[in-house]
Amino acid sequence: MASGVEELLDMLFEMIDEAKNAPLSSDKCVIERDRALDLIDDVRSQFPVELTEARKMMASRAELELEAKQKAEAILKTAKDQARQMLAEDSIVTQARQRANEMMQQAEERSRELKRSANEYCEDALRRTEEAVAEAYDEIKKSRSRFRAAAGVSGPSAGTGGGGGRTMYDAAADED
């Protein structure tokens, strides 16, 4: 089995492109129906894989956010601990409060930065996945259209064949 949607679509295109012409026709060809349908089914089965990858990216984003939050909490805890120690000494109470506030601001700023970076990364990854899925879908539609054109079928409801709604190419009918 092929590894990705693009490779499967390339195989389908190649099969149709290299198909032999039907007898007495230059615009119709004969292809292995089962093989073409198997390739289309393989493409369909790859879509959940692509979606699983997108879900993994979302989980990775959540992990990054959790890690950023934990780091921020650790920094805040450290800041609070340091502030408590400084408060024990009357002469540096003001410095302790100021330093604790600075550390809290730095932690919050770092947390926001990590979250923003994680969001940008996930957004970019999801955009690329969406583009790849859309491109694959468009290629399937084009291949299906070319297949119909090559098979002499005018649309999704044309033809017969009991294929559960699938349009079937009848090579025997073309020979008549």
N, C-alpha and C. Protein backbone atom coordinates (compact mmCIF):
# COMPACT_ATOMS: atom_id res chain seq x y z
N MET A 1 0.84 -1.18 0.00
CA MET A 1 0.00 0.00 0.00
C MET A 1 0.88 1.24 0.00
N ALA A 2 0.45 2.25 -0.69
CA ALA A 2 1.21 3.49 -0.78
C ALA A 2 1.21 4.21 0.56
N SER A 3 2.15 5.12 0.71
CA SER A 3 2.33 5.76 2.01
C SER A 3 1.47 7.00 2.22
N GLY A 4 1.07 7.68 1.18
CA GLY A 4 0.33 8.92 1.39
C GLY A 4 -0.69 9.16 0.31
N VAL A 5 -1.55 10.13 0.59
CA VAL A 5 -2.63 10.47 -0.32
C VAL A 5 -2.08 10.91 -1.67
N GLU A 6 -1.06 11.73 -1.65
CA GLU A 6 -0.50 12.22 -2.92
C GLU A 6 0.04 11.07 -3.77
N GLU A 7 0.72 10.15 -3.14
CA GLU A 7 1.27 9.01 -3.88
C GLU A 7 0.14 8.16 -4.46
N LEU A 8 -0.93 7.95 -3.69
CA LEU A 8 -2.07 7.18 -4.19
C LEU A 8 -2.72 7.89 -5.37
N LEU A 9 -2.86 9.19 -5.28
CA LEU A 9 -3.45 9.94 -6.39
C LEU A 9 -2.56 9.89 -7.62
N ASP A 10 -1.25 9.95 -7.41
CA ASP A 10 -0.32 9.83 -8.53
C ASP A 10 -0.48 8.46 -9.21
N MET A 11 -0.64 7.43 -8.38
CA MET A 11 -0.82 6.08 -8.95
C MET A 11 -2.10 6.00 -9.77
N LEU A 12 -3.18 6.60 -9.26
CA LEU A 12 -4.45 6.59 -9.97
C LEU A 12 -4.33 7.36 -11.28
N PHE A 13 -3.70 8.52 -11.22
CA PHE A 13 -3.50 9.32 -12.43
C PHE A 13 -2.69 8.54 -13.45
N GLU A 14 -1.61 7.93 -13.00
CA GLU A 14 -0.74 7.16 -13.88
C GLU A 14 -1.50 6.01 -14.53
N MET A 15 -2.35 5.32 -13.73
CA MET A 15 -3.12 4.21 -14.28
C MET A 15 -4.04 4.69 -15.40
N ILE A 16 -4.70 5.82 -15.18
CA ILE A 16 -5.63 6.34 -16.18
C ILE A 16 -4.85 6.88 -17.38
N ASP A 17 -3.75 7.57 -17.10
CA ASP A 17 -2.94 8.16 -18.16
C ASP A 17 -2.34 7.09 -19.07
N GLU A 18 -1.94 5.96 -18.51
CA GLU A 18 -1.29 4.91 -19.28
C GLU A 18 -2.27 3.85 -19.80
N ALA A 19 -3.56 4.04 -19.55
CA ALA A 19 -4.55 3.05 -19.96
C ALA A 19 -4.61 2.94 -21.49
N LYS A 20 -4.89 1.74 -21.93
CA LYS A 20 -5.00 1.50 -23.37
C LYS A 20 -6.32 2.08 -23.88
N ASN A 21 -6.29 2.56 -25.14
CA ASN A 21 -7.51 3.09 -25.73
C ASN A 21 -8.51 1.96 -25.95
N ALA A 22 -9.78 2.32 -25.81
CA ALA A 22 -10.84 1.36 -26.09
C ALA A 22 -10.88 1.14 -27.60
N PRO A 23 -11.29 -0.04 -28.02
CA PRO A 23 -11.36 -0.31 -29.45
C PRO A 23 -12.21 0.74 -30.18
N LEU A 24 -11.70 1.20 -31.29
CA LEU A 24 -12.38 2.15 -32.17
C LEU A 24 -12.67 3.49 -31.48
N SER A 25 -11.87 3.85 -30.51
CA SER A 25 -12.09 5.12 -29.81
C SER A 25 -10.75 5.69 -29.37
N SER A 26 -10.59 6.99 -29.59
CA SER A 26 -9.34 7.62 -29.15
C SER A 26 -9.51 8.39 -27.85
N ASP A 27 -10.78 8.63 -27.45
CA ASP A 27 -11.00 9.40 -26.23
C ASP A 27 -11.51 8.55 -25.07
N LYS A 28 -11.58 7.25 -25.26
CA LYS A 28 -12.01 6.35 -24.18
C LYS A 28 -10.89 5.35 -23.94
N CYS A 29 -10.84 4.88 -22.68
CA CYS A 29 -9.79 3.93 -22.36
C CYS A 29 -10.34 2.81 -21.49
N VAL A 30 -9.54 1.78 -21.36
CA VAL A 30 -9.91 0.63 -20.55
C VAL A 30 -8.96 0.58 -19.36
N ILE A 31 -9.54 0.60 -18.16
CA ILE A 31 -8.72 0.49 -16.95
C ILE A 31 -9.27 -0.63 -16.09
N GLU A 32 -8.45 -1.05 -15.13
CA GLU A 32 -8.90 -2.07 -14.20
C GLU A 32 -9.77 -1.40 -13.15
N ARG A 33 -11.07 -1.64 -13.24
CA ARG A 33 -12.02 -0.99 -12.34
C ARG A 33 -11.69 -1.28 -10.88
N ASP A 34 -11.46 -2.55 -10.55
CA ASP A 34 -11.19 -2.91 -9.15
C ASP A 34 -9.93 -2.23 -8.64
N ARG A 35 -8.92 -2.15 -9.46
CA ARG A 35 -7.67 -1.50 -9.03
C ARG A 35 -7.90 0.00 -8.79
N ALA A 36 -8.64 0.65 -9.71
CA ALA A 36 -8.93 2.08 -9.56
C ALA A 36 -9.76 2.32 -8.31
N LEU A 37 -10.78 1.49 -8.10
CA LEU A 37 -11.62 1.64 -6.90
C LEU A 37 -10.82 1.36 -5.63
N ASP A 38 -9.91 0.39 -5.70
CA ASP A 38 -9.04 0.12 -4.53
C ASP A 38 -8.18 1.34 -4.22
N LEU A 39 -7.64 1.98 -5.25
CA LEU A 39 -6.83 3.18 -5.02
C LEU A 39 -7.66 4.29 -4.39
N ILE A 40 -8.86 4.47 -4.87
CA ILE A 40 -9.74 5.50 -4.30
C ILE A 40 -10.07 5.16 -2.85
N ASP A 41 -10.33 3.88 -2.57
CA ASP A 41 -10.59 3.47 -1.18
C ASP A 41 -9.36 3.70 -0.31
N ASP A 42 -8.17 3.45 -0.85
CA ASP A 42 -6.93 3.71 -0.09
C ASP A 42 -6.80 5.20 0.22
N VAL A 43 -7.15 6.05 -0.75
CA VAL A 43 -7.09 7.50 -0.51
C VAL A 43 -8.04 7.86 0.62
N ARG A 44 -9.25 7.32 0.56
CA ARG A 44 -10.23 7.59 1.62
C ARG A 44 -9.71 7.13 2.98
N SER A 45 -9.04 5.99 2.99
CA SER A 45 -8.55 5.46 4.28
C SER A 45 -7.39 6.30 4.81
N GLN A 46 -6.70 7.04 3.95
CA GLN A 46 -5.58 7.87 4.39
C GLN A 46 -6.06 9.14 5.09
N PHE A 47 -7.26 9.60 4.78
CA PHE A 47 -7.74 10.82 5.40
C PHE A 47 -7.77 10.72 6.92
N PRO A 48 -8.26 9.61 7.51
CA PRO A 48 -8.19 9.53 8.98
C PRO A 48 -6.76 9.61 9.51
N VAL A 49 -5.78 9.11 8.75
CA VAL A 49 -4.38 9.20 9.18
C VAL A 49 -3.97 10.67 9.26
N GLU A 50 -4.31 11.45 8.23
CA GLU A 50 -3.97 12.86 8.21
C GLU A 50 -4.66 13.59 9.37
N LEU A 51 -5.91 13.22 9.64
CA LEU A 51 -6.63 13.84 10.75
C LEU A 51 -6.01 13.44 12.09
N THR A 52 -5.55 12.20 12.19
CA THR A 52 -4.89 11.75 13.42
C THR A 52 -3.64 12.57 13.66
N GLU A 53 -2.90 12.87 12.60
CA GLU A 53 -1.70 13.69 12.74
C GLU A 53 -2.07 15.08 13.23
N ALA A 54 -3.15 15.63 12.73
CA ALA A 54 -3.60 16.95 13.19
C ALA A 54 -3.98 16.90 14.67
N ARG A 55 -4.64 15.81 15.08
CA ARG A 55 -4.99 15.66 16.49
C ARG A 55 -3.74 15.55 17.35
N LYS A 56 -2.73 14.85 16.85
CA LYS A 56 -1.47 14.75 17.59
C LYS A 56 -0.85 16.13 17.78
N MET A 57 -0.93 16.96 16.73
CA MET A 57 -0.39 18.32 16.85
C MET A 57 -1.16 19.11 17.90
N MET A 58 -2.47 18.92 17.94
CA MET A 58 -3.27 19.62 18.94
C MET A 58 -2.89 19.13 20.34
N ALA A 59 -2.66 17.84 20.50
CA ALA A 59 -2.24 17.30 21.79
C ALA A 59 -0.88 17.86 22.17
N SER A 60 0.00 17.98 21.19
CA SER A 60 1.32 18.55 21.42
C SER A 60 1.19 20.00 21.88
N ARG A 61 0.28 20.71 21.28
CA ARG A 61 0.04 22.10 21.67
C ARG A 61 -0.43 22.15 23.12
N ALA A 62 -1.36 21.26 23.48
CA ALA A 62 -1.85 21.24 24.85
C ALA A 62 -0.73 20.91 25.83
N GLU A 63 0.14 20.00 25.44
CA GLU A 63 1.28 19.66 26.30
C GLU A 63 2.21 20.86 26.47
N LEU A 64 2.46 21.60 25.37
CA LEU A 64 3.30 22.79 25.45
C LEU A 64 2.68 23.83 26.39
N GLU A 65 1.37 24.01 26.27
CA GLU A 65 0.69 24.97 27.14
C GLU A 65 0.78 24.53 28.60
N LEU A 66 0.57 23.23 28.85
CA LEU A 66 0.66 22.71 30.21
C LEU A 66 2.07 22.89 30.75
N GLU A 67 3.05 22.59 29.93
CA GLU A 67 4.45 22.76 30.35
C GLU A 67 4.75 24.22 30.67
N ALA A 68 4.26 25.12 29.83
CA ALA A 68 4.47 26.55 30.07
C ALA A 68 3.80 26.97 31.38
N LYS A 69 2.61 26.46 31.60
CA LYS A 69 1.90 26.79 32.84
C LYS A 69 2.65 26.25 34.05
N GLN A 70 3.16 25.02 33.95
CA GLN A 70 3.90 24.44 35.06
C GLN A 70 5.18 25.22 35.33
N LYS A 71 5.86 25.61 34.25
CA LYS A 71 7.07 26.42 34.44
C LYS A 71 6.73 27.75 35.10
N ALA A 72 5.66 28.36 34.64
CA ALA A 72 5.24 29.64 35.23
C ALA A 72 4.91 29.47 36.71
N GLU A 73 4.20 28.39 37.04
CA GLU A 73 3.86 28.13 38.45
C GLU A 73 5.11 27.88 39.27
N ALA A 74 6.08 27.17 38.69
CA ALA A 74 7.33 26.93 39.41
C ALA A 74 8.08 28.23 39.65
N ILE A 75 8.09 29.08 38.62
CA ILE A 75 8.76 30.37 38.76
C ILE A 75 8.04 31.22 39.81
N LEU A 76 6.70 31.20 39.76
CA LEU A 76 5.92 31.95 40.74
C LEU A 76 6.17 31.42 42.16
N LYS A 77 6.24 30.11 42.29
CA LYS A 77 6.49 29.51 43.61
C LYS A 77 7.87 29.93 44.11
N THR A 78 8.84 29.88 43.21
CA THR A 78 10.19 30.30 43.58
C THR A 78 10.19 31.77 44.00
N ALA A 79 9.48 32.58 43.24
CA ALA A 79 9.40 34.00 43.55
C ALA A 79 8.74 34.22 44.92
N LYS A 80 7.68 33.51 45.17
CA LYS A 80 6.99 33.64 46.45
C LYS A 80 7.88 33.17 47.61
N ASP A 81 8.58 32.06 47.39
CA ASP A 81 9.48 31.56 48.44
C ASP A 81 10.58 32.59 48.73
N GLN A 82 11.14 33.15 47.68
CA GLN A 82 12.18 34.16 47.86
C GLN A 82 11.61 35.39 48.55
N ALA A 83 10.40 35.74 48.17
CA ALA A 83 9.76 36.91 48.78
C ALA A 83 9.54 36.68 50.28
N ARG A 84 9.11 35.50 50.66
CA ARG A 84 8.91 35.18 52.08
C ARG A 84 10.21 35.29 52.87
N GLN A 85 11.28 34.78 52.26
CA GLN A 85 12.58 34.87 52.93
C GLN A 85 13.00 36.33 53.09
N MET A 86 12.78 37.11 52.07
CA MET A 86 13.17 38.52 52.13
C MET A 86 12.32 39.29 53.13
N LEU A 87 11.05 38.92 53.24
CA LEU A 87 10.16 39.60 54.17
C LEU A 87 10.59 39.36 55.62
N ALA A 88 11.27 38.28 55.86
CA ALA A 88 11.72 37.99 57.22
C ALA A 88 12.71 39.04 57.70
N GLU A 89 13.34 39.67 56.81
CA GLU A 89 14.31 40.72 57.16
C GLU A 89 13.64 42.08 56.90
N ASP A 90 13.46 42.84 57.95
CA ASP A 90 12.76 44.13 57.84
C ASP A 90 13.44 45.12 56.92
N SER A 91 14.73 45.08 56.84
CA SER A 91 15.45 46.09 56.06
C SER A 91 15.26 45.95 54.55
N ILE A 92 14.84 44.76 54.09
CA ILE A 92 14.71 44.58 52.63
C ILE A 92 13.30 44.18 52.20
N VAL A 93 12.32 44.52 52.99
CA VAL A 93 10.93 44.19 52.67
C VAL A 93 10.52 44.79 51.33
N THR A 94 10.84 46.01 51.10
CA THR A 94 10.45 46.68 49.86
C THR A 94 11.10 46.02 48.64
N GLN A 95 12.38 45.69 48.79
CA GLN A 95 13.08 45.02 47.69
C GLN A 95 12.46 43.66 47.38
N ALA A 96 12.07 42.96 48.40
CA ALA A 96 11.48 41.63 48.21
C ALA A 96 10.17 41.71 47.42
N ARG A 97 9.34 42.65 47.78
CA ARG A 97 8.06 42.79 47.07
C ARG A 97 8.30 43.17 45.60
N GLN A 98 9.22 44.08 45.42
CA GLN A 98 9.51 44.51 44.04
C GLN A 98 10.05 43.35 43.21
N ARG A 99 10.98 42.60 43.77
CA ARG A 99 11.58 41.47 43.05
C ARG A 99 10.53 40.38 42.77
N ALA A 100 9.69 40.12 43.74
CA ALA A 100 8.63 39.11 43.55
C ALA A 100 7.69 39.53 42.43
N ASN A 101 7.32 40.79 42.40
CA ASN A 101 6.44 41.28 41.33
C ASN A 101 7.12 41.18 39.97
N GLU A 102 8.39 41.53 39.92
CA GLU A 102 9.13 41.42 38.66
C GLU A 102 9.18 39.96 38.18
N MET A 103 9.45 39.07 39.11
CA MET A 103 9.52 37.65 38.73
C MET A 103 8.16 37.14 38.28
N MET A 104 7.11 37.58 38.94
CA MET A 104 5.76 37.17 38.54
C MET A 104 5.44 37.71 37.15
N GLN A 105 5.81 38.95 36.89
CA GLN A 105 5.58 39.52 35.57
C GLN A 105 6.38 38.79 34.50
N GLN A 106 7.64 38.48 34.83
CA GLN A 106 8.47 37.74 33.89
C GLN A 106 7.87 36.35 33.62
N ALA A 107 7.41 35.70 34.66
CA ALA A 107 6.81 34.38 34.51
C ALA A 107 5.55 34.45 33.65
N GLU A 108 4.72 35.42 33.92
CA GLU A 108 3.49 35.57 33.14
C GLU A 108 3.81 35.91 31.69
N GLU A 109 4.81 36.77 31.50
CA GLU A 109 5.21 37.15 30.15
C GLU A 109 5.77 35.93 29.40
N ARG A 110 6.60 35.16 30.09
CA ARG A 110 7.17 33.94 29.49
C ARG A 110 6.06 32.94 29.18
N SER A 111 5.11 32.81 30.08
CA SER A 111 3.98 31.90 29.86
C SER A 111 3.17 32.33 28.64
N ARG A 112 2.91 33.64 28.53
CA ARG A 112 2.18 34.14 27.36
C ARG A 112 2.96 33.90 26.08
N GLU A 113 4.27 34.11 26.14
CA GLU A 113 5.12 33.91 24.97
C GLU A 113 5.12 32.44 24.54
N LEU A 114 5.25 31.53 25.51
CA LEU A 114 5.23 30.11 25.18
C LEU A 114 3.88 29.70 24.60
N LYS A 115 2.83 30.22 25.18
CA LYS A 115 1.49 29.90 24.68
C LYS A 115 1.31 30.45 23.26
N ARG A 116 1.77 31.70 23.03
CA ARG A 116 1.66 32.29 21.70
C ARG A 116 2.45 31.47 20.68
N SER A 117 3.67 31.06 21.06
CA SER A 117 4.50 30.25 20.16
C SER A 117 3.83 28.91 19.86
N ALA A 118 3.28 28.29 20.89
CA ALA A 118 2.59 27.00 20.68
C ALA A 118 1.38 27.19 19.77
N ASN A 119 0.64 28.27 19.98
CA ASN A 119 -0.53 28.54 19.13
C ASN A 119 -0.12 28.78 17.69
N GLU A 120 0.94 29.55 17.48
CA GLU A 120 1.42 29.80 16.12
C GLU A 120 1.86 28.51 15.45
N TYR A 121 2.59 27.69 16.20
CA TYR A 121 3.06 26.42 15.65
C TYR A 121 1.88 25.53 15.25
N CYS A 122 0.93 25.40 16.15
CA CYS A 122 -0.23 24.54 15.86
C CYS A 122 -1.06 25.12 14.72
N GLU A 123 -1.25 26.41 14.71
CA GLU A 123 -2.02 27.05 13.64
C GLU A 123 -1.35 26.79 12.28
N ASP A 124 -0.03 26.93 12.24
CA ASP A 124 0.70 26.70 11.00
C ASP A 124 0.59 25.23 10.58
N ALA A 125 0.78 24.33 11.55
CA ALA A 125 0.69 22.90 11.23
C ALA A 125 -0.71 22.53 10.75
N LEU A 126 -1.73 23.04 11.41
CA LEU A 126 -3.10 22.75 11.01
C LEU A 126 -3.41 23.36 9.63
N ARG A 127 -2.87 24.56 9.38
CA ARG A 127 -3.08 25.18 8.07
C ARG A 127 -2.47 24.33 6.98
N ARG A 128 -1.23 23.86 7.22
CA ARG A 128 -0.57 23.03 6.22
C ARG A 128 -1.33 21.72 6.01
N THR A 129 -1.81 21.13 7.11
CA THR A 129 -2.59 19.90 7.00
C THR A 129 -3.87 20.16 6.23
N GLU A 130 -4.54 21.27 6.55
CA GLU A 130 -5.77 21.62 5.84
C GLU A 130 -5.51 21.81 4.35
N GLU A 131 -4.41 22.49 4.02
CA GLU A 131 -4.08 22.70 2.61
C GLU A 131 -3.79 21.37 1.92
N ALA A 132 -3.07 20.48 2.61
CA ALA A 132 -2.75 19.18 2.01
C ALA A 132 -4.01 18.37 1.78
N VAL A 133 -4.92 18.38 2.77
CA VAL A 133 -6.17 17.64 2.62
C VAL A 133 -7.01 18.24 1.50
N ALA A 134 -7.07 19.59 1.44
CA ALA A 134 -7.84 20.25 0.38
C ALA A 134 -7.25 19.94 -0.98
N GLU A 135 -5.92 19.96 -1.07
CA GLU A 135 -5.25 19.67 -2.33
C GLU A 135 -5.51 18.22 -2.75
N ALA A 136 -5.46 17.32 -1.79
CA ALA A 136 -5.73 15.92 -2.09
C ALA A 136 -7.18 15.74 -2.54
N TYR A 137 -8.10 16.43 -1.86
CA TYR A 137 -9.50 16.34 -2.22
C TYR A 137 -9.72 16.88 -3.63
N ASP A 138 -9.11 18.03 -3.92
CA ASP A 138 -9.22 18.60 -5.27
C ASP A 138 -8.66 17.64 -6.32
N GLU A 139 -7.55 16.99 -6.00
CA GLU A 139 -6.94 16.05 -6.95
C GLU A 139 -7.85 14.85 -7.17
N ILE A 140 -8.51 14.40 -6.10
CA ILE A 140 -9.46 13.29 -6.23
C ILE A 140 -10.60 13.70 -7.16
N LYS A 141 -11.12 14.92 -6.93
CA LYS A 141 -12.23 15.39 -7.78
C LYS A 141 -11.78 15.49 -9.23
N LYS A 142 -10.56 16.01 -9.46
CA LYS A 142 -10.05 16.12 -10.82
C LYS A 142 -9.86 14.74 -11.45
N SER A 143 -9.29 13.83 -10.67
CA SER A 143 -9.07 12.48 -11.18
C SER A 143 -10.40 11.80 -11.49
N ARG A 144 -11.36 12.00 -10.61
CA ARG A 144 -12.67 11.41 -10.83
C ARG A 144 -13.31 12.00 -12.08
N SER A 145 -13.15 13.31 -12.26
CA SER A 145 -13.69 13.96 -13.45
C SER A 145 -13.00 13.44 -14.70
N ARG A 146 -11.66 13.32 -14.64
CA ARG A 146 -10.92 12.79 -15.79
C ARG A 146 -11.34 11.34 -16.06
N PHE A 147 -11.54 10.60 -14.98
CA PHE A 147 -11.96 9.21 -15.14
C PHE A 147 -13.33 9.16 -15.82
N ARG A 148 -14.23 10.00 -15.35
CA ARG A 148 -15.56 10.03 -15.97
C ARG A 148 -15.46 10.43 -17.44
N ALA A 149 -14.64 11.45 -17.70
CA ALA A 149 -14.47 11.90 -19.07
C ALA A 149 -13.88 10.78 -19.92
N ALA A 150 -12.89 10.10 -19.36
CA ALA A 150 -12.24 9.02 -20.09
C ALA A 150 -13.21 7.85 -20.27
N ALA A 151 -14.09 7.67 -19.30
CA ALA A 151 -15.03 6.55 -19.36
C ALA A 151 -16.29 6.93 -20.14
N GLY A 152 -16.42 8.19 -20.48
CA GLY A 152 -17.58 8.63 -21.23
C GLY A 152 -18.81 8.78 -20.36
N VAL A 153 -18.62 8.98 -19.06
CA VAL A 153 -19.73 9.12 -18.12
C VAL A 153 -19.94 10.61 -17.88
N SER A 154 -21.21 11.06 -17.89
CA SER A 154 -21.45 12.50 -17.81
C SER A 154 -21.54 13.01 -16.38
N GLY A 155 -21.89 12.22 -15.40
CA GLY A 155 -22.05 12.74 -14.04
C GLY A 155 -22.22 11.63 -13.04
N PRO A 156 -22.41 12.00 -11.77
CA PRO A 156 -22.50 10.99 -10.73
C PRO A 156 -23.72 10.10 -10.84
N SER A 157 -24.80 10.55 -11.48
CA SER A 157 -25.99 9.71 -11.56
C SER A 157 -26.07 8.95 -12.87
N ALA A 158 -25.12 9.19 -13.78
CA ALA A 158 -25.13 8.52 -15.09
C ALA A 158 -24.69 7.08 -14.95
N GLY A 159 -25.19 6.25 -15.84
CA GLY A 159 -24.74 4.86 -15.87
C GLY A 159 -25.51 4.00 -14.91
N THR A 160 -25.27 2.68 -15.03
CA THR A 160 -25.89 1.71 -14.14
C THR A 160 -24.81 0.77 -13.68
N GLY A 161 -25.18 -0.09 -12.82
CA GLY A 161 -24.18 -1.08 -12.46
C GLY A 161 -24.31 -1.56 -11.05
N GLY A 162 -25.26 -1.10 -10.27
CA GLY A 162 -25.49 -1.66 -8.95
C GLY A 162 -24.30 -1.52 -8.03
N GLY A 163 -23.50 -0.51 -8.20
CA GLY A 163 -22.31 -0.32 -7.37
C GLY A 163 -22.60 0.50 -6.13
N GLY A 164 -23.84 0.54 -5.66
CA GLY A 164 -24.14 1.31 -4.47
C GLY A 164 -24.01 2.80 -4.71
N GLY A 165 -24.45 3.25 -5.89
CA GLY A 165 -24.38 4.68 -6.18
C GLY A 165 -23.14 5.06 -6.96
N ARG A 166 -22.21 4.13 -7.15
CA ARG A 166 -21.00 4.43 -7.92
C ARG A 166 -21.29 4.29 -9.40
N THR A 167 -20.77 5.15 -10.20
CA THR A 167 -20.90 5.08 -11.64
C THR A 167 -19.92 4.03 -12.15
N MET A 168 -20.41 3.14 -12.94
CA MET A 168 -19.56 2.04 -13.44
C MET A 168 -19.32 2.23 -14.93
N TYR A 169 -18.11 2.04 -15.36
CA TYR A 169 -17.74 2.09 -16.75
C TYR A 169 -17.97 0.70 -17.34
N ASP A 170 -18.68 0.64 -18.44
CA ASP A 170 -19.00 -0.63 -19.06
C ASP A 170 -18.25 -0.72 -20.38
N ALA A 171 -17.11 -1.40 -20.36
CA ALA A 171 -16.29 -1.52 -21.55
C ALA A 171 -17.02 -2.29 -22.65
N ALA A 172 -17.83 -3.28 -22.27
CA ALA A 172 -18.55 -4.08 -23.24
C ALA A 172 -19.53 -3.21 -24.04
N ALA A 173 -20.13 -2.22 -23.38
CA ALA A 173 -21.07 -1.34 -24.06
C ALA A 173 -20.36 -0.48 -25.09
N ASP A 174 -19.11 -0.13 -24.84
CA ASP A 174 -18.35 0.68 -25.78
C ASP A 174 -17.97 -0.10 -27.03
N GLU A 175 -17.89 -1.42 -26.92
CA GLU A 175 -17.48 -2.23 -28.06
C GLU A 175 -18.59 -2.39 -29.07
N ASP A 176 -19.84 -2.17 -28.68
CA ASP A 176 -20.99 -2.33 -29.59
C ASP A 176 -21.02 -1.31 -30.68
